Amino acid sequence: MTDDLLARHRAVLPSWMPLYYAEPLELVSGSGRRVTDAQGRSYLDFFGGVLTNMIGYDIPEIREAVERQLATGIAHTSTLYLIRQQVELAEKIARRSGIPDARVFFTNSGTEANEAALLVATNHRRSHQILAVRNSYHGRSYAAMGVTGNRNWSASGLNPLQVAWLHSGDRVRGLLARLSADEQVDAAVEDLREVLATQTAGDVAALIAEPIQGVGGFVHPPDGLFAGWKKVLDEHGILFIADEVQTGWGRTGEHFWGYQAHGVTPDLLTFAKGIGNGFALAGVVGRAEVLESVAAISFSTFGGNPISTAAGNAVLDYLIAHDLQANAARVGAILADGLRSAVGGLDCVAEVRGKGLMLGVEFVRPGGSEPDPALTNRVFEAARDGGLLTGKGGLHGNVLRMGPPLTLTEEEAREGLAILVDAIRTAAGVAA
């Protein structure tokens, strides 16, 4: 019984591990874009294990690839031995990264990937100074948490890095929100120059930034901002790390990587989540001269193991063969346009934002920009009651987040849209 499982969960797991919903779910099976709970109810999944089940559930090509590896009897060897699946996946990712003369280091999670990128960058530049972005999230390890600009996810104020903070792309509130896109880019670049001159000792190692802020509620800057930043960074020899843990693999629809919307190439790129489709797989890819900056021995015991990279190869092959980037653009537009048309004009909806199949709806109290997390939670619960699973996020907990599998069909998008529009109108007390 779920109730018994909930009591057991609370008895042995820490209280700071959140569970979704007033009545938490146990998901026991899945197929395509749908999952079934322990009571036998089916849901359309618009969150995909926090944007991780990128291809969906029970995909034969991925299952068979993992089963073939399991049939060899080898689930793990450590990276002290050659792993064919790892090398093949690294070759594919290096080619797709857009980074010249690229090298790839595999880890188990996005947190570890960002930690590795920070290790590489600080070694390469011989500096522990980092530029990060307000409202960001980069993981729960010591250094990754240190560059996370969201106090809800900063479990410690201690930090091994010296961090200076840049403005985010928030269009609802903040100093830059009232500016046009071009003015915001100019102001953000000016802010970067001032931060470098006033808050650092000059020899900064790197800037780490998400093209679209995941935990931050899918906030993103105007296209081209990273290019403005990169010009300044290059003047000082500062590296640029693109955190593509949530934006990678074509999720934004318009590009394979989120950074490509800005017309720049990062020195380091971190990836995770979708590439494993549920198997623990992540890593960092970067220019050889940068990634080779680690002077001592370093490796990841489980990073890029035979099982996870067998899955990763199948995921990437499926993604490309079925052109899921184009599907994300096409199906994402149905959701974005539908939401803007149906609820975008409500005085409780501050913004419908995002790209492709990475969309957020921010809720505020009518008549202003004061966050309304209570309304967000009502919408969240109402969507679940209607058979749709979504996510939550944002600095103030007032953003409904959607990151469905990239295999989402047009019919499923319209089904989910109808449930979501009804949930918003019901929770807001608006007549249909």
Foldseek 3Di string as FASTA:
>chain_A
DQVVVVVVCPVPPDPPDDADDPRGFAWDFWDFQWTATPVGDIFREQQLVNLFLQRTGPDPLLVVLLVVLVVVVDQADFPVDDFVLLVVLQVVCQVQQPFPQKGKAKAQAQLVQVVLLLVLLCLLLVAQEEEAEALAARDQDQARLVRGRFVVRNPDPDHPGQYDYFYFQDLADDDLNVDDQVVSLVVRLVRVVVCCVPVDPLSHRAYEYEQFGRQQQRRHHPAQSVVSNVVVCVVSVHFYEYEQQNPACLLLLVGRGSNVSNVDRGQKYKYFRHLQSPGRMIIMMGNPSRSVSDPDDDHYRPTSGNSSSSSNVSRSVVCVVVVLSNLLQVLVCVQQVLCCVLPVPPQQWSDWDGGRSKIKTFGADGPGSHGDLVLQSQLQNQLVVVRYHWDFHRSVRGMTIGRGHSNDDNVNSVVSSVSSSVSNCVSVVHDD
